Amino acid sequence: MHAAAGRTCPRRAFLVLPQSLSCNFEMSTFSYGHSAGAHALPAAWRFGRESDPSVSEWSVEWLLKRNCSMAPRQLFAMFGALCVLSLTIAAYFWSQGATVIMAFAWVELIAVGGALLVYSRHAADQENIALRQGKLTVAHTSGNTVETAEFAPEWVSVEPVTGDESLIEVFGQGRRIEVGRFVRPELRRQLANELRHAVRMARLRPQSALPPAEL
């Protein structure tokens, strides 16, 4: 009886890990799986808007704009009020004999007006990315200049220029264009993932609905 009690059964032998180590291992495994899934397929569109296929033809569109606190119309309204106030004060001093004040008022208003004019030219800057009818169209508006590029989903690539927080380069078929100027650097990786995911979805659609690619 004593010999049997002292004997060790291999089938019952096990390794007891500290509770903290076991919990850390389980949490690390869960976190890795969750991050990998989120990187592969975005759970929802943060920047893009997907159309309802039951209502219209399937498409995804991204409209990225400059973050402006005031619209150009509001800026010019504020500038008009500033002109009235400044010229009223200058006219009062003019009537009191301080004629130089009026000259300084005009110089100030011309400088402020020029700065607002430059700002308003770029207040409507934007990037419009659309994936519809088997084509990926990218348009970048900067002032009065519009740069556009069109790609076939089968031949397009989406990669960062230098790193995850750099601008995103869309290239293929001898064309290339950069996007992501109006997105915070830490969110550009998510934008790139959305573009890649949409391109993969377009590639899986029936080939009869896609136009022939330009070589």
C-alpha atoms as a PDB file:
ATOM      1  CA  MET A   1       0.000   0.000   0.000  1.00  0.00           C
ATOM      2  CA  HIS A   2       2.781   2.428   0.866  1.00  0.00           C
ATOM      3  CA  ALA A   3       4.688   1.584  -2.296  1.00  0.00           C
ATOM      4  CA  ALA A   4       1.609   2.111  -4.413  1.00  0.00           C
ATOM      5  CA  ALA A   5       0.900   5.402  -2.701  1.00  0.00           C
ATOM      6  CA  GLY A   6       4.416   6.654  -3.371  1.00  0.00           C
ATOM      7  CA  ARG A   7       4.357   5.645  -7.019  1.00  0.00           C
ATOM      8  CA  THR A   8       3.843   8.476  -9.581  1.00  0.00           C
ATOM      9  CA  CYS A   9       1.455   7.912 -12.476  1.00  0.00           C
ATOM     10  CA  PRO A  10       2.730   9.579 -15.697  1.00  0.00           C
ATOM     11  CA  ARG A  11      -0.781  10.055 -17.039  1.00  0.00           C
ATOM     12  CA  ARG A  12      -1.643  12.332 -14.138  1.00  0.00           C
ATOM     13  CA  ALA A  13       1.517  14.419 -14.277  1.00  0.00           C
ATOM     14  CA  PHE A  14       0.990  18.049 -15.368  1.00  0.00           C
ATOM     15  CA  LEU A  15       2.781  21.373 -15.196  1.00  0.00           C
ATOM     16  CA  VAL A  16       1.226  24.044 -13.020  1.00  0.00           C
ATOM     17  CA  LEU A  17       1.865  27.516 -14.414  1.00  0.00           C
ATOM     18  CA  PRO A  18       1.563  30.693 -12.380  1.00  0.00           C
ATOM     19  CA  GLN A  19      -1.854  32.234 -12.776  1.00  0.00           C
ATOM     20  CA  SER A  20      -0.477  35.571 -14.023  1.00  0.00           C
ATOM     21  CA  LEU A  21       1.570  33.855 -16.764  1.00  0.00           C
ATOM     22  CA  SER A  22      -1.398  31.842 -17.957  1.00  0.00           C
ATOM     23  CA  CYS A  23      -3.659  34.897 -18.167  1.00  0.00           C
ATOM     24  CA  ASN A  24      -1.042  36.918 -20.030  1.00  0.00           C
ATOM     25  CA  PHE A  25      -0.632  34.142 -22.597  1.00  0.00           C
ATOM     26  CA  GLU A  26      -4.359  33.915 -23.249  1.00  0.00           C
ATOM     27  CA  MET A  27      -4.736  37.684 -23.553  1.00  0.00           C
ATOM     28  CA  SER A  28      -1.784  37.917 -25.956  1.00  0.00           C
ATOM     29  CA  THR A  29      -3.216  35.190 -28.185  1.00  0.00           C
ATOM     30  CA  PHE A  30      -6.613  36.891 -28.321  1.00  0.00           C
ATOM     31  CA  SER A  31      -5.118  40.315 -29.072  1.00  0.00           C
ATOM     32  CA  TYR A  32      -2.993  38.961 -31.937  1.00  0.00           C
ATOM     33  CA  GLY A  33      -5.938  37.276 -33.588  1.00  0.00           C
ATOM     34  CA  HIS A  34      -8.117  40.352 -33.242  1.00  0.00           C
ATOM     35  CA  SER A  35      -5.543  42.731 -34.709  1.00  0.00           C
ATOM     36  CA  ALA A  36      -4.837  40.437 -37.640  1.00  0.00           C
ATOM     37  CA  GLY A  37      -8.495  40.243 -38.532  1.00  0.00           C
ATOM     38  CA  ALA A  38      -8.940  43.999 -38.258  1.00  0.00           C
ATOM     39  CA  HIS A  39      -5.949  44.574 -40.544  1.00  0.00           C
ATOM     40  CA  ALA A  40      -7.220  42.159 -43.191  1.00  0.00           C
ATOM     41  CA  LEU A  41     -10.810  43.366 -43.481  1.00  0.00           C
ATOM     42  CA  PRO A  42     -12.064  46.667 -42.038  1.00  0.00           C
ATOM     43  CA  ALA A  43     -15.180  46.123 -39.954  1.00  0.00           C
ATOM     44  CA  ALA A  44     -16.760  49.335 -41.259  1.00  0.00           C
ATOM     45  CA  TRP A  45     -15.955  52.155 -43.631  1.00  0.00           C
ATOM     46  CA  ARG A  46     -14.418  55.034 -41.714  1.00  0.00           C
ATOM     47  CA  PHE A  47     -13.660  57.232 -44.717  1.00  0.00           C
ATOM     48  CA  GLY A  48     -15.506  55.582 -47.603  1.00  0.00           C
ATOM     49  CA  ARG A  49     -19.210  55.398 -48.381  1.00  0.00           C
ATOM     50  CA  GLU A  50     -20.494  52.201 -49.952  1.00  0.00           C
ATOM     51  CA  SER A  51     -23.654  52.299 -52.032  1.00  0.00           C
ATOM     52  CA  ASP A  52     -26.564  49.931 -51.515  1.00  0.00           C
ATOM     53  CA  PRO A  53     -26.431  47.333 -54.334  1.00  0.00           C
ATOM     54  CA  SER A  54     -30.179  46.747 -54.038  1.00  0.00           C
ATOM     55  CA  VAL A  55     -30.900  50.402 -54.870  1.00  0.00           C
ATOM     56  CA  SER A  56     -28.124  51.311 -57.321  1.00  0.00           C
ATOM     57  CA  GLU A  57     -24.971  49.881 -58.846  1.00  0.00           C
ATOM     58  CA  TRP A  58     -22.314  48.938 -56.320  1.00  0.00           C
ATOM     59  CA  SER A  59     -19.720  51.642 -55.708  1.00  0.00           C
ATOM     60  CA  VAL A  60     -17.492  53.075 -52.992  1.00  0.00           C
ATOM     61  CA  GLU A  61     -16.538  56.740 -52.756  1.00  0.00           C
ATOM     62  CA  TRP A  62     -14.092  58.637 -50.552  1.00  0.00           C
ATOM     63  CA  LEU A  63     -14.353  62.431 -50.241  1.00  0.00           C
ATOM     64  CA  LEU A  64     -11.440  63.857 -48.259  1.00  0.00           C
ATOM     65  CA  LYS A  65     -11.545  67.604 -47.640  1.00  0.00           C
ATOM     66  CA  ARG A  66      -9.366  70.189 -45.957  1.00  0.00           C
ATOM     67  CA  ASN A  67     -10.455  70.834 -42.370  1.00  0.00           C
ATOM     68  CA  CYS A  68     -11.556  74.477 -42.488  1.00  0.00           C
ATOM     69  CA  SER A  69     -13.198  76.142 -39.503  1.00  0.00           C
ATOM     70  CA  MET A  70     -14.885  78.776 -41.685  1.00  0.00           C
ATOM     71  CA  ALA A  71     -16.251  78.705 -45.210  1.00  0.00           C
ATOM     72  CA  PRO A  72     -14.929  81.273 -47.742  1.00  0.00           C
ATOM     73  CA  ARG A  73     -18.265  83.117 -47.659  1.00  0.00           C
ATOM     74  CA  GLN A  74     -18.024  83.481 -43.878  1.00  0.00           C
ATOM     75  CA  LEU A  75     -14.440  84.714 -44.155  1.00  0.00           C
ATOM     76  CA  PHE A  76     -15.349  87.469 -46.603  1.00  0.00           C
ATOM     77  CA  ALA A  77     -18.307  88.493 -44.436  1.00  0.00           C
ATOM     78  CA  MET A  78     -15.947  88.801 -41.480  1.00  0.00           C
ATOM     79  CA  PHE A  79     -13.476  90.739 -43.639  1.00  0.00           C
ATOM     80  CA  GLY A  80     -16.234  93.151 -44.694  1.00  0.00           C
ATOM     81  CA  ALA A  81     -17.115  93.822 -41.054  1.00  0.00           C
ATOM     82  CA  LEU A  82     -13.414  94.364 -40.299  1.00  0.00           C
ATOM     83  CA  CYS A  83     -13.159  96.868 -43.154  1.00  0.00           C
ATOM     84  CA  VAL A  84     -16.145  98.850 -41.900  1.00  0.00           C
ATOM     85  CA  LEU A  85     -14.800  98.975 -38.351  1.00  0.00           C
ATOM     86  CA  SER A  86     -11.236  99.831 -39.333  1.00  0.00           C
ATOM     87  CA  LEU A  87     -12.206 102.538 -41.817  1.00  0.00           C
ATOM     88  CA  THR A  88     -14.670 104.062 -39.353  1.00  0.00           C
ATOM     89  CA  ILE A  89     -11.938 104.393 -36.732  1.00  0.00           C
ATOM     90  CA  ALA A  90      -9.490 105.735 -39.333  1.00  0.00           C
ATOM     91  CA  ALA A  91     -12.048 108.296 -40.529  1.00  0.00           C
ATOM     92  CA  TYR A  92     -12.525 109.541 -36.976  1.00  0.00           C
ATOM     93  CA  PHE A  93      -8.781 110.116 -36.557  1.00  0.00           C
ATOM     94  CA  TRP A  94      -8.683 111.711 -40.017  1.00  0.00           C
ATOM     95  CA  SER A  95     -11.272 114.214 -38.883  1.00  0.00           C
ATOM     96  CA  GLN A  96      -9.102 114.945 -35.853  1.00  0.00           C
ATOM     97  CA  GLY A  97      -6.098 115.734 -38.031  1.00  0.00           C
ATOM     98  CA  ALA A  98      -4.243 112.375 -37.809  1.00  0.00           C
ATOM     99  CA  THR A  99      -4.277 111.710 -41.560  1.00  0.00           C
ATOM    100  CA  VAL A 100      -1.580 109.048 -41.423  1.00  0.00           C
ATOM    101  CA  ILE A 101      -3.960 106.658 -39.649  1.00  0.00           C
ATOM    102  CA  MET A 102      -6.048 106.276 -42.807  1.00  0.00           C
ATOM    103  CA  ALA A 103      -3.013 105.189 -44.822  1.00  0.00           C
ATOM    104  CA  PHE A 104      -2.059 102.590 -42.221  1.00  0.00           C
ATOM    105  CA  ALA A 105      -5.656 101.328 -42.192  1.00  0.00           C
ATOM    106  CA  TRP A 106      -5.649 100.787 -45.952  1.00  0.00           C
ATOM    107  CA  VAL A 107      -2.276  98.992 -45.851  1.00  0.00           C
ATOM    108  CA  GLU A 108      -3.554  96.729 -43.087  1.00  0.00           C
ATOM    109  CA  LEU A 109      -6.778  95.900 -44.930  1.00  0.00           C
ATOM    110  CA  ILE A 110      -4.943  95.165 -48.187  1.00  0.00           C
ATOM    111  CA  ALA A 111      -2.576  92.770 -46.377  1.00  0.00           C
ATOM    112  CA  VAL A 112      -5.401  90.986 -44.560  1.00  0.00           C
ATOM    113  CA  GLY A 113      -7.467  90.791 -47.752  1.00  0.00           C
ATOM    114  CA  GLY A 114      -4.570  89.255 -49.674  1.00  0.00           C
ATOM    115  CA  ALA A 115      -4.016  86.609 -46.995  1.00  0.00           C
ATOM    116  CA  LEU A 116      -7.722  85.722 -46.953  1.00  0.00           C
ATOM    117  CA  LEU A 117      -7.768  85.509 -50.741  1.00  0.00           C
ATOM    118  CA  VAL A 118      -4.906  82.995 -50.730  1.00  0.00           C
ATOM    119  CA  TYR A 119      -6.616  81.018 -47.967  1.00  0.00           C
ATOM    120  CA  SER A 120      -9.975  80.953 -49.758  1.00  0.00           C
ATOM    121  CA  ARG A 121      -8.364  79.592 -52.931  1.00  0.00           C
ATOM    122  CA  HIS A 122      -7.284  76.461 -51.042  1.00  0.00           C
ATOM    123  CA  ALA A 123     -10.228  76.205 -48.646  1.00  0.00           C
ATOM    124  CA  ALA A 124     -12.028  73.939 -51.114  1.00  0.00           C
ATOM    125  CA  ASP A 125      -9.048  71.624 -51.711  1.00  0.00           C
ATOM    126  CA  GLN A 126     -10.108  67.999 -51.667  1.00  0.00           C
ATOM    127  CA  GLU A 127      -9.408  64.458 -52.821  1.00  0.00           C
ATOM    128  CA  ASN A 128     -12.200  62.481 -54.461  1.00  0.00           C
ATOM    129  CA  ILE A 129     -11.684  58.740 -54.865  1.00  0.00           C
ATOM    130  CA  ALA A 130     -14.439  56.700 -56.518  1.00  0.00           C
ATOM    131  CA  LEU A 131     -14.627  53.017 -57.374  1.00  0.00           C
ATOM    132  CA  ARG A 132     -17.560  52.383 -59.697  1.00  0.00           C
ATOM    133  CA  GLN A 133     -18.306  50.660 -62.993  1.00  0.00           C
ATOM    134  CA  GLY A 134     -15.054  48.740 -62.831  1.00  0.00           C
ATOM    135  CA  LYS A 135     -12.889  51.853 -62.611  1.00  0.00           C
ATOM    136  CA  LEU A 136     -10.951  53.503 -59.784  1.00  0.00           C
ATOM    137  CA  THR A 137     -10.899  57.262 -60.337  1.00  0.00           C
ATOM    138  CA  VAL A 138      -8.759  59.586 -58.211  1.00  0.00           C
ATOM    139  CA  ALA A 139      -9.070  63.389 -58.423  1.00  0.00           C
ATOM    140  CA  HIS A 140      -6.998  65.862 -56.386  1.00  0.00           C
ATOM    141  CA  THR A 141      -8.151  69.486 -56.382  1.00  0.00           C
ATOM    142  CA  SER A 142      -5.668  72.148 -55.258  1.00  0.00           C
ATOM    143  CA  GLY A 143      -6.819  75.703 -55.884  1.00  0.00           C
ATOM    144  CA  ASN A 144      -7.643  75.961 -59.590  1.00  0.00           C
ATOM    145  CA  THR A 145      -5.649  72.834 -60.469  1.00  0.00           C
ATOM    146  CA  VAL A 146      -7.281  69.402 -60.728  1.00  0.00           C
ATOM    147  CA  GLU A 147      -5.111  66.292 -61.076  1.00  0.00           C
ATOM    148  CA  THR A 148      -6.929  63.101 -62.093  1.00  0.00           C
ATOM    149  CA  ALA A 149      -5.944  59.498 -62.706  1.00  0.00           C
ATOM    150  CA  GLU A 150      -7.981  56.436 -63.660  1.00  0.00           C
ATOM    151  CA  PHE A 151      -7.090  52.809 -62.980  1.00  0.00           C
ATOM    152  CA  ALA A 152      -8.475  49.349 -63.612  1.00  0.00           C
ATOM    153  CA  PRO A 153      -8.875  47.418 -60.317  1.00  0.00           C
ATOM    154  CA  GLU A 154      -7.009  44.420 -61.759  1.00  0.00           C
ATOM    155  CA  TRP A 155      -3.840  46.456 -62.294  1.00  0.00           C
ATOM    156  CA  VAL A 156      -3.818  48.979 -59.453  1.00  0.00           C
ATOM    157  CA  SER A 157      -1.658  48.908 -56.315  1.00  0.00           C
ATOM    158  CA  VAL A 158      -2.018  50.910 -53.106  1.00  0.00           C
ATOM    159  CA  GLU A 159       1.129  51.416 -51.040  1.00  0.00           C
ATOM    160  CA  PRO A 160       2.520  54.058 -48.642  1.00  0.00           C
ATOM    161  CA  VAL A 161       5.203  56.290 -50.097  1.00  0.00           C
ATOM    162  CA  THR A 162       7.708  55.790 -47.251  1.00  0.00           C
ATOM    163  CA  GLY A 163       5.851  54.418 -44.192  1.00  0.00           C
ATOM    164  CA  ASP A 164       2.463  53.781 -42.601  1.00  0.00           C
ATOM    165  CA  GLU A 165       2.022  57.471 -41.723  1.00  0.00           C
ATOM    166  CA  SER A 166       3.191  58.872 -45.058  1.00  0.00           C
ATOM    167  CA  LEU A 167       1.072  59.758 -48.067  1.00  0.00           C
ATOM    168  CA  ILE A 168      -0.538  56.873 -49.945  1.00  0.00           C
ATOM    169  CA  GLU A 169       0.471  56.208 -53.541  1.00  0.00           C
ATOM    170  CA  VAL A 170      -2.030  54.699 -55.980  1.00  0.00           C
ATOM    171  CA  PHE A 171      -0.248  53.434 -59.083  1.00  0.00           C
ATOM    172  CA  GLY A 172      -0.644  51.118 -62.033  1.00  0.00           C
ATOM    173  CA  GLN A 173      -0.692  51.071 -65.847  1.00  0.00           C
ATOM    174  CA  GLY A 174       2.021  53.722 -65.952  1.00  0.00           C
ATOM    175  CA  ARG A 175       0.084  56.188 -63.800  1.00  0.00           C
ATOM    176  CA  ARG A 176       0.519  57.225 -60.187  1.00  0.00           C
ATOM    177  CA  ILE A 177      -1.074  59.724 -57.821  1.00  0.00           C
ATOM    178  CA  GLU A 178      -0.734  60.428 -54.094  1.00  0.00           C
ATOM    179  CA  VAL A 179      -3.672  60.710 -51.675  1.00  0.00           C
ATOM    180  CA  GLY A 180      -4.174  61.162 -47.929  1.00  0.00           C
ATOM    181  CA  ARG A 181      -3.168  64.809 -47.615  1.00  0.00           C
ATOM    182  CA  PHE A 182      -6.284  65.673 -45.613  1.00  0.00           C
ATOM    183  CA  VAL A 183      -6.116  62.654 -43.286  1.00  0.00           C
ATOM    184  CA  ARG A 184      -4.181  62.628 -40.021  1.00  0.00           C
ATOM    185  CA  PRO A 185      -0.914  60.681 -40.406  1.00  0.00           C
ATOM    186  CA  GLU A 186      -1.910  58.054 -37.837  1.00  0.00           C
ATOM    187  CA  LEU A 187      -5.113  57.290 -39.818  1.00  0.00           C
ATOM    188  CA  ARG A 188      -3.536  56.951 -43.263  1.00  0.00           C
ATOM    189  CA  ARG A 189      -2.876  53.244 -42.759  1.00  0.00           C
ATOM    190  CA  GLN A 190      -6.606  52.671 -42.218  1.00  0.00           C
ATOM    191  CA  LEU A 191      -7.398  54.643 -45.364  1.00  0.00           C
ATOM    192  CA  ALA A 192      -4.958  52.491 -47.336  1.00  0.00           C
ATOM    193  CA  ASN A 193      -6.584  49.329 -45.951  1.00  0.00           C
ATOM    194  CA  GLU A 194      -9.998  50.575 -47.055  1.00  0.00           C
ATOM    195  CA  LEU A 195      -8.726  51.246 -50.569  1.00  0.00           C
ATOM    196  CA  ARG A 196      -7.131  47.805 -50.809  1.00  0.00           C
ATOM    197  CA  HIS A 197     -10.272  46.131 -49.489  1.00  0.00           C
ATOM    198  CA  ALA A 198     -12.477  47.930 -52.019  1.00  0.00           C
ATOM    199  CA  VAL A 199     -10.122  47.005 -54.857  1.00  0.00           C
ATOM    200  CA  ARG A 200     -10.257  43.344 -53.802  1.00  0.00           C
ATOM    201  CA  MET A 201     -14.061  43.503 -53.742  1.00  0.00           C
ATOM    202  CA  ALA A 202     -14.083  44.979 -57.253  1.00  0.00           C
ATOM    203  CA  ARG A 203     -11.791  42.229 -58.521  1.00  0.00           C
ATOM    204  CA  LEU A 204     -14.164  39.551 -57.231  1.00  0.00           C
ATOM    205  CA  ARG A 205     -17.150  40.999 -59.067  1.00  0.00           C
ATOM    206  CA  PRO A 206     -18.267  39.447 -62.381  1.00  0.00           C
ATOM    207  CA  GLN A 207     -15.702  40.170 -65.059  1.00  0.00           C
ATOM    208  CA  SER A 208     -18.445  40.856 -67.609  1.00  0.00           C
ATOM    209  CA  ALA A 209     -19.322  44.036 -65.696  1.00  0.00           C
ATOM    210  CA  LEU A 210     -15.765  45.361 -65.929  1.00  0.00           C
ATOM    211  CA  PRO A 211     -14.355  47.176 -68.974  1.00  0.00           C
ATOM    212  CA  PRO A 212     -11.160  45.843 -70.555  1.00  0.00           C
ATOM    213  CA  ALA A 213      -7.989  47.098 -68.881  1.00  0.00           C
ATOM    214  CA  GLU A 214      -5.752  49.549 -70.706  1.00  0.00           C
ATOM    215  CA  LEU A 215      -2.196  48.304 -71.042  1.00  0.00           C
END
